[in-house]
PDB file of N, CA and C in Angstrom:
ATOM      1  N   MET A   1       1.084  -1.184   0.115  1.00  0.00           N
ATOM      2  CA  MET A   1       0.137  -0.213  -0.180  1.00  0.00           C
ATOM      3  C   MET A   1       0.753   1.164   0.018  1.00  0.00           C
ATOM      4  N   ILE A   2       0.598   2.271  -1.149  1.00  0.00           N
ATOM      5  CA  ILE A   2       1.063   3.321  -1.051  1.00  0.00           C
ATOM      6  C   ILE A   2       0.731   4.564  -0.492  1.00  0.00           C
ATOM      7  N   ASP A   3       0.888   5.180   0.469  1.00  0.00           N
ATOM      8  CA  ASP A   3      -0.423   6.241   1.166  1.00  0.00           C
ATOM      9  C   ASP A   3       0.473   7.403   1.122  1.00  0.00           C
ATOM     10  N   PHE A   4       0.456   9.108   1.834  1.00  0.00           N
ATOM     11  CA  PHE A   4       1.176  10.427   1.892  1.00  0.00           C
ATOM     12  C   PHE A   4       0.740  10.804   3.475  1.00  0.00           C
ATOM     13  N   PHE A   5       1.985  10.967   3.630  1.00  0.00           N
ATOM     14  CA  PHE A   5       1.986  12.100   5.414  1.00  0.00           C
ATOM     15  C   PHE A   5       0.908  12.840   4.720  1.00  0.00           C
ATOM     16  N   GLU A   6       1.163  13.984   4.676  1.00  0.00           N
ATOM     17  CA  GLU A   6       0.435  15.454   3.910  1.00  0.00           C
ATOM     18  C   GLU A   6      -0.181  15.983   6.345  1.00  0.00           C
ATOM     19  N   THR A   7       1.193  17.489   6.297  1.00  0.00           N
ATOM     20  CA  THR A   7       1.846  18.130   6.710  1.00  0.00           C
ATOM     21  C   THR A   7       1.922  19.307   6.672  1.00  0.00           C
ATOM     22  N   HIS A   8       0.782  20.629   7.186  1.00  0.00           N
ATOM     23  CA  HIS A   8       0.461  21.869   6.717  1.00  0.00           C
ATOM     24  C   HIS A   8       0.537  22.711   8.356  1.00  0.00           C
ATOM     25  N   PHE A   9       1.389  23.591   7.580  1.00  0.00           N
ATOM     26  CA  PHE A   9       2.250  23.995   7.693  1.00  0.00           C
ATOM     27  C   PHE A   9       1.657  25.241   8.570  1.00  0.00           C
ATOM     28  N   PRO A  10       1.696  26.912   9.547  1.00  0.00           N
ATOM     29  CA  PRO A  10       1.838  28.239   9.939  1.00  0.00           C
ATOM     30  C   PRO A  10       1.264  29.115   8.129  1.00  0.00           C
ATOM     31  N   ASP A  11       2.512  29.029   7.101  1.00  0.00           N
ATOM     32  CA  ASP A  11       2.832  30.245   6.958  1.00  0.00           C
ATOM     33  C   ASP A  11       1.767  29.123   5.411  1.00  0.00           C
ATOM     34  N   GLY A  12       0.983  28.731   5.653  1.00  0.00           N
ATOM     35  CA  GLY A  12       0.960  27.771   4.030  1.00  0.00           C
ATOM     36  C   GLY A  12       1.458  26.598   3.369  1.00  0.00           C
ATOM     37  N   THR A  13       2.241  26.625   4.136  1.00  0.00           N
ATOM     38  CA  THR A  13       2.948  25.746   3.174  1.00  0.00           C
ATOM     39  C   THR A  13       2.296  23.962   3.400  1.00  0.00           C
ATOM     40  N   MET A  14       3.273  23.758   2.346  1.00  0.00           N
ATOM     41  CA  MET A  14       2.222  22.047   3.211  1.00  0.00           C
ATOM     42  C   MET A  14       3.258  21.303   2.340  1.00  0.00           C
ATOM     43  N   SER A  15       3.073  19.614   3.245  1.00  0.00           N
ATOM     44  CA  SER A  15       4.307  18.771   2.287  1.00  0.00           C
ATOM     45  C   SER A  15       3.735  17.646   2.533  1.00  0.00           C
ATOM     46  N   ALA A  16       3.959  16.438   1.315  1.00  0.00           N
ATOM     47  CA  ALA A  16       3.727  15.713   1.944  1.00  0.00           C
ATOM     48  C   ALA A  16       4.748  13.983   2.488  1.00  0.00           C
ATOM     49  N   ARG A  17       4.858  13.145   2.870  1.00  0.00           N
ATOM     50  CA  ARG A  17       6.197  11.877   2.343  1.00  0.00           C
ATOM     51  C   ARG A  17       5.407  10.983   2.299  1.00  0.00           C
ATOM     52  N   VAL A  18       6.336   9.982   0.936  1.00  0.00           N
ATOM     53  CA  VAL A  18       5.480   8.666   0.636  1.00  0.00           C
ATOM     54  C   VAL A  18       5.887   7.882   1.614  1.00  0.00           C
ATOM     55  N   ARG A  19       4.627   6.644   2.103  1.00  0.00           N
ATOM     56  CA  ARG A  19       4.279   6.256   2.977  1.00  0.00           C
ATOM     57  C   ARG A  19       4.124   4.768   1.941  1.00  0.00           C
ATOM     58  N   ALA A  20       5.539   3.123   2.090  1.00  0.00           N
ATOM     59  CA  ALA A  20       4.350   2.405   1.300  1.00  0.00           C
ATOM     60  C   ALA A  20       5.792   1.350   1.593  1.00  0.00           C
ATOM     61  N   ASP A  21       4.369   0.216   2.103  1.00  0.00           N
ATOM     62  CA  ASP A  21       4.772  -1.486   2.181  1.00  0.00           C
ATOM     63  C   ASP A  21       6.006  -1.191   1.916  1.00  0.00           C
ATOM     64  N   GLY A  22       7.066  -2.357   1.330  1.00  0.00           N
ATOM     65  CA  GLY A  22       8.271  -2.807   1.038  1.00  0.00           C
ATOM     66  C   GLY A  22       8.790  -1.871   0.886  1.00  0.00           C
ATOM     67  N   LEU A  23       9.003  -0.827   1.085  1.00  0.00           N
ATOM     68  CA  LEU A  23       9.551   0.782   0.447  1.00  0.00           C
ATOM     69  C   LEU A  23      11.097   0.443   1.456  1.00  0.00           C
ATOM     70  N   PRO A  24      11.985   0.231   1.309  1.00  0.00           N
ATOM     71  CA  PRO A  24      13.744  -0.165   1.959  1.00  0.00           C
ATOM     72  C   PRO A  24      13.672   1.054   3.157  1.00  0.00           C
ATOM     73  N   LYS A  25      14.030   1.165   3.837  1.00  0.00           N
ATOM     74  CA  LYS A  25      15.188   2.713   4.494  1.00  0.00           C
ATOM     75  C   LYS A  25      15.674   2.822   4.796  1.00  0.00           C
ATOM     76  N   GLY A  26      15.218   3.846   4.553  1.00  0.00           N
ATOM     77  CA  GLY A  26      16.155   4.897   4.785  1.00  0.00           C
ATOM     78  C   GLY A  26      15.891   6.287   2.989  1.00  0.00           C
ATOM     79  N   MET A  27      15.477   5.065   2.184  1.00  0.00           N
ATOM     80  CA  MET A  27      14.888   5.563   1.001  1.00  0.00           C
ATOM     81  C   MET A  27      13.629   6.936   0.917  1.00  0.00           C
ATOM     82  N   HIS A  28      13.220   7.058   0.587  1.00  0.00           N
ATOM     83  CA  HIS A  28      12.097   9.125   0.647  1.00  0.00           C
ATOM     84  C   HIS A  28      12.077   9.619  -0.243  1.00  0.00           C
ATOM     85  N   TYR A  29      10.949  10.066  -0.502  1.00  0.00           N
ATOM     86  CA  TYR A  29      10.130  11.277  -1.654  1.00  0.00           C
ATOM     87  C   TYR A  29       9.226  11.789  -0.119  1.00  0.00           C
ATOM     88  N   CYS A  30       9.390  12.878  -0.718  1.00  0.00           N
ATOM     89  CA  CYS A  30       8.579  14.092  -0.072  1.00  0.00           C
ATOM     90  C   CYS A  30       8.468  15.541  -0.796  1.00  0.00           C
ATOM     91  N   VAL A  31       7.289  15.698  -0.594  1.00  0.00           N
ATOM     92  CA  VAL A  31       6.394  17.380  -1.984  1.00  0.00           C
ATOM     93  C   VAL A  31       6.322  18.221  -0.942  1.00  0.00           C
ATOM     94  N   THR A  32       6.527  19.257  -1.378  1.00  0.00           N
ATOM     95  CA  THR A  32       6.834  20.560  -1.064  1.00  0.00           C
ATOM     96  C   THR A  32       5.502  21.839  -1.895  1.00  0.00           C
ATOM     97  N   LEU A  33       4.792  21.604  -1.817  1.00  0.00           N
ATOM     98  CA  LEU A  33       3.341  23.044  -1.647  1.00  0.00           C
ATOM     99  C   LEU A  33       4.052  23.719  -1.388  1.00  0.00           C
ATOM    100  N   TRP A  34       4.331  25.161  -1.806  1.00  0.00           N
ATOM    101  CA  TRP A  34       5.087  26.178  -0.839  1.00  0.00           C
ATOM    102  C   TRP A  34       3.520  26.858  -0.967  1.00  0.00           C
ATOM    103  N   SER A  35       3.823  28.844  -0.600  1.00  0.00           N
ATOM    104  CA  SER A  35       2.779  28.799   0.100  1.00  0.00           C
ATOM    105  C   SER A  35       2.983  30.036  -1.291  1.00  0.00           C
ATOM    106  N   ASP A  36       2.868  30.448  -1.817  1.00  0.00           N
ATOM    107  CA  ASP A  36       3.683  31.238  -3.449  1.00  0.00           C
ATOM    108  C   ASP A  36       2.687  29.892  -5.016  1.00  0.00           C
ATOM    109  N   GLY A  37       2.439  28.813  -3.937  1.00  0.00           N
ATOM    110  CA  GLY A  37       2.398  28.306  -5.106  1.00  0.00           C
ATOM    111  C   GLY A  37       2.933  26.707  -5.981  1.00  0.00           C
ATOM    112  N   LYS A  38       4.196  27.662  -5.433  1.00  0.00           N
ATOM    113  CA  LYS A  38       5.617  26.298  -6.154  1.00  0.00           C
ATOM    114  C   LYS A  38       5.070  25.189  -5.264  1.00  0.00           C
ATOM    115  N   CYS A  39       6.094  24.380  -6.675  1.00  0.00           N
ATOM    116  CA  CYS A  39       5.625  23.073  -5.734  1.00  0.00           C
ATOM    117  C   CYS A  39       6.909  22.029  -6.210  1.00  0.00           C
ATOM    118  N   THR A  40       8.194  21.235  -4.733  1.00  0.00           N
ATOM    119  CA  THR A  40       8.699  20.615  -5.350  1.00  0.00           C
ATOM    120  C   THR A  40       8.997  19.501  -4.786  1.00  0.00           C
ATOM    121  N   ALA A  41       9.871  18.904  -4.944  1.00  0.00           N
ATOM    122  CA  ALA A  41      10.139  17.463  -4.400  1.00  0.00           C
ATOM    123  C   ALA A  41      11.228  17.560  -3.815  1.00  0.00           C
ATOM    124  N   ARG A  42      12.245  16.229  -3.274  1.00  0.00           N
ATOM    125  CA  ARG A  42      13.256  15.681  -3.126  1.00  0.00           C
ATOM    126  C   ARG A  42      12.997  13.674  -2.800  1.00  0.00           C
ATOM    127  N   SER A  43      13.967  13.509  -3.806  1.00  0.00           N
ATOM    128  CA  SER A  43      13.979  11.942  -3.143  1.00  0.00           C
ATOM    129  C   SER A  43      15.499  11.541  -3.081  1.00  0.00           C
ATOM    130  N   GLN A  44      14.880  10.161  -1.888  1.00  0.00           N
ATOM    131  CA  GLN A  44      16.692   9.081  -2.125  1.00  0.00           C
ATOM    132  C   GLN A  44      16.383   7.939  -2.036  1.00  0.00           C
ATOM    133  N   ALA A  45      17.253   6.907  -3.341  1.00  0.00           N
ATOM    134  CA  ALA A  45      17.707   5.731  -2.514  1.00  0.00           C
ATOM    135  C   ALA A  45      19.202   5.063  -2.380  1.00  0.00           C
ATOM    136  N   TYR A  46      19.102   4.556  -2.324  1.00  0.00           N
ATOM    137  CA  TYR A  46      20.176   3.887  -1.043  1.00  0.00           C
ATOM    138  C   TYR A  46      21.413   5.169  -1.108  1.00  0.00           C
ATOM    139  N   GLY A  47      21.253   5.519  -0.630  1.00  0.00           N
ATOM    140  CA  GLY A  47      21.917   6.961  -0.087  1.00  0.00           C
ATOM    141  C   GLY A  47      22.124   7.877  -0.153  1.00  0.00           C
ATOM    142  N   ASN A  48      23.850   8.836   0.424  1.00  0.00           N
ATOM    143  CA  ASN A  48      23.450  10.155   0.228  1.00  0.00           C
ATOM    144  C   ASN A  48      23.423  10.882  -1.265  1.00  0.00           C
ATOM    145  N   GLY A  49      24.322   9.957  -2.326  1.00  0.00           N
ATOM    146  CA  GLY A  49      24.006  10.132  -2.911  1.00  0.00           C
ATOM    147  C   GLY A  49      23.796  10.185  -4.989  1.00  0.00           C
ATOM    148  N   SER A  50      22.329   9.702  -4.326  1.00  0.00           N
ATOM    149  CA  SER A  50      21.618   9.954  -4.636  1.00  0.00           C
ATOM    150  C   SER A  50      19.927  10.455  -5.045  1.00  0.00           C
ATOM    151  N   VAL A  51      20.632  11.770  -4.231  1.00  0.00           N
ATOM    152  CA  VAL A  51      19.441  12.622  -3.560  1.00  0.00           C
ATOM    153  C   VAL A  51      18.841  12.981  -5.501  1.00  0.00           C
ATOM    154  N   ARG A  52      17.844  13.614  -5.515  1.00  0.00           N
ATOM    155  CA  ARG A  52      17.202  14.226  -6.565  1.00  0.00           C
ATOM    156  C   ARG A  52      16.206  14.860  -6.327  1.00  0.00           C
ATOM    157  N   TYR A  53      16.592  16.163  -6.581  1.00  0.00           N
ATOM    158  CA  TYR A  53      15.427  17.275  -6.663  1.00  0.00           C
ATOM    159  C   TYR A  53      14.344  17.647  -7.553  1.00  0.00           C
ATOM    160  N   TYR A  54      13.089  17.537  -7.595  1.00  0.00           N
ATOM    161  CA  TYR A  54      11.801  18.086  -8.173  1.00  0.00           C
ATOM    162  C   TYR A  54      10.967  19.048  -8.868  1.00  0.00           C
ATOM    163  N   THR A  55      10.511  19.420  -9.089  1.00  0.00           N
ATOM    164  CA  THR A  55      10.197  21.008  -9.715  1.00  0.00           C
ATOM    165  C   THR A  55       8.408  20.163 -10.822  1.00  0.00           C
ATOM    166  N   HIS A  56       7.735  20.355 -10.157  1.00  0.00           N
ATOM    167  CA  HIS A  56       6.273  20.043 -10.581  1.00  0.00           C
ATOM    168  C   HIS A  56       5.786  21.152 -10.737  1.00  0.00           C
ATOM    169  N   ARG A  57       4.896  21.533 -12.188  1.00  0.00           N
ATOM    170  CA  ARG A  57       3.396  22.649 -12.652  1.00  0.00           C
ATOM    171  C   ARG A  57       2.247  22.600 -11.688  1.00  0.00           C
ATOM    172  N   THR A  58       2.075  21.479 -10.832  1.00  0.00           N
ATOM    173  CA  THR A  58       0.544  20.519  -9.662  1.00  0.00           C
ATOM    174  C   THR A  58       0.729  20.266  -8.669  1.00  0.00           C
ATOM    175  N   TYR A  59      -0.026  20.608  -7.393  1.00  0.00           N
ATOM    176  CA  TYR A  59       0.633  18.987  -6.414  1.00  0.00           C
ATOM    177  C   TYR A  59      -0.129  17.743  -7.338  1.00  0.00           C
ATOM    178  N   GLU A  60      -0.709  17.812  -7.832  1.00  0.00           N
ATOM    179  CA  GLU A  60      -1.874  16.313  -7.972  1.00  0.00           C
ATOM    180  C   GLU A  60      -0.920  15.645  -9.074  1.00  0.00           C
ATOM    181  N   ALA A  61       0.398  16.435  -9.746  1.00  0.00           N
ATOM    182  CA  ALA A  61       1.203  16.196 -10.862  1.00  0.00           C
ATOM    183  C   ALA A  61       2.678  15.943  -9.344  1.00  0.00           C
ATOM    184  N   ALA A  62       2.892  16.480  -8.993  1.00  0.00           N
ATOM    185  CA  ALA A  62       3.970  15.875  -7.965  1.00  0.00           C
ATOM    186  C   ALA A  62       3.673  14.617  -7.172  1.00  0.00           C
ATOM    187  N   LEU A  63       2.957  14.397  -6.660  1.00  0.00           N
ATOM    188  CA  LEU A  63       1.673  13.109  -6.190  1.00  0.00           C
ATOM    189  C   LEU A  63       1.634  11.879  -7.092  1.00  0.00           C
ATOM    190  N   ALA A  64       1.157  12.272  -8.872  1.00  0.00           N
ATOM    191  CA  ALA A  64       1.645  11.173  -8.824  1.00  0.00           C
ATOM    192  C   ALA A  64       3.052  10.699  -9.415  1.00  0.00           C
ATOM    193  N   HIS A  65       3.724  11.696  -9.481  1.00  0.00           N
ATOM    194  CA  HIS A  65       4.927  10.799  -9.858  1.00  0.00           C
ATOM    195  C   HIS A  65       5.704  10.417  -8.699  1.00  0.00           C
ATOM    196  N   ALA A  66       5.424  10.545  -7.508  1.00  0.00           N
ATOM    197  CA  ALA A  66       5.976   9.750  -5.701  1.00  0.00           C
ATOM    198  C   ALA A  66       5.383   8.940  -5.801  1.00  0.00           C
ATOM    199  N   TYR A  67       3.522   8.590  -6.307  1.00  0.00           N
ATOM    200  CA  TYR A  67       3.340   7.093  -6.944  1.00  0.00           C
ATOM    201  C   TYR A  67       4.210   6.184  -7.422  1.00  0.00           C
ATOM    202  N   ALA A  68       4.773   6.969  -8.524  1.00  0.00           N
ATOM    203  CA  ALA A  68       5.058   6.045  -9.408  1.00  0.00           C
ATOM    204  C   ALA A  68       6.788   5.818  -9.156  1.00  0.00           C
ATOM    205  N   TRP A  69       6.554   7.302  -8.250  1.00  0.00           N
ATOM    206  CA  TRP A  69       8.627   6.045  -7.679  1.00  0.00           C
ATOM    207  C   TRP A  69       8.669   5.247  -7.076  1.00  0.00           C
ATOM    208  N   ALA A  70       7.127   5.241  -5.817  1.00  0.00           N
ATOM    209  CA  ALA A  70       7.406   4.012  -5.414  1.00  0.00           C
ATOM    210  C   ALA A  70       7.342   3.072  -5.697  1.00  0.00           C
ATOM    211  N   LYS A  71       6.655   2.758  -6.368  1.00  0.00           N
ATOM    212  CA  LYS A  71       6.155   1.703  -7.111  1.00  0.00           C
ATOM    213  C   LYS A  71       7.401   1.128  -7.419  1.00  0.00           C
ATOM    214  N   ARG A  72       7.463   2.180  -8.137  1.00  0.00           N
ATOM    215  CA  ARG A  72       9.220   1.303  -8.424  1.00  0.00           C
ATOM    216  C   ARG A  72      10.000   0.544  -7.842  1.00  0.00           C
ATOM    217  N   LYS A  73      10.753   2.197  -6.559  1.00  0.00           N
ATOM    218  CA  LYS A  73      11.166   1.603  -6.101  1.00  0.00           C
ATOM    219  C   LYS A  73      10.944   0.410  -4.906  1.00  0.00           C
ATOM    220  N   VAL A  74       9.808   0.097  -4.827  1.00  0.00           N
ATOM    221  CA  VAL A  74       9.438  -1.345  -4.737  1.00  0.00           C
ATOM    222  C   VAL A  74       9.957  -2.320  -5.431  1.00  0.00           C
ATOM    223  N   ALA A  75       8.955  -1.941  -6.426  1.00  0.00           N
ATOM    224  CA  ALA A  75       8.796  -3.637  -7.021  1.00  0.00           C
ATOM    225  C   ALA A  75      11.064  -3.545  -7.268  1.00  0.00           C
ATOM    226  N   GLU A  76      11.563  -3.098  -7.128  1.00  0.00           N
ATOM    227  CA  GLU A  76      13.351  -2.883  -7.856  1.00  0.00           C
ATOM    228  C   GLU A  76      13.814  -3.588  -5.924  1.00  0.00           C
ATOM    229  N   SER A  77      13.131  -3.644  -5.280  1.00  0.00           N
ATOM    230  CA  SER A  77      13.642  -3.714  -3.544  1.00  0.00           C
ATOM    231  C   SER A  77      13.930  -5.530  -3.857  1.00  0.00           C
ATOM    232  N   LYS A  78      12.605  -5.475  -4.713  1.00  0.00           N
ATOM    233  CA  LYS A  78      12.171  -7.122  -4.440  1.00  0.00           C
ATOM    234  C   LYS A  78      13.699  -7.935  -5.578  1.00  0.00           C
ATOM    235  N   HIS A  79      14.364  -7.073  -6.048  1.00  0.00           N
ATOM    236  CA  HIS A  79      14.328  -7.832  -6.855  1.00  0.00           C
ATOM    237  C   HIS A  79      16.643  -8.073  -6.996  1.00  0.00           C
ATOM    238  N   ILE A  80      15.943  -7.269  -5.722  1.00  0.00           N
ATOM    239  CA  ILE A  80      17.698  -7.188  -5.070  1.00  0.00           C
ATOM    240  C   ILE A  80      18.224  -8.403  -4.038  1.00  0.00           C
TER     241      ILE A  80
END
């Protein structure tokens, strides 16, 4: 199961962290919707060398990308 843990901040910023059964420890994906409407994300897989940063047009697009990322990482971890 893949879902999101959302946190809302007083300044209007919001973040969503991916939670997925089977996602290896240390891997994460976090989407941030800033109060000015910009949407960014950060993923980490397999150590600090694999940190990636993303910019998305919409919050929904960012969540869709996060879902696909988590699904792919869970599938990859089963084949390692």
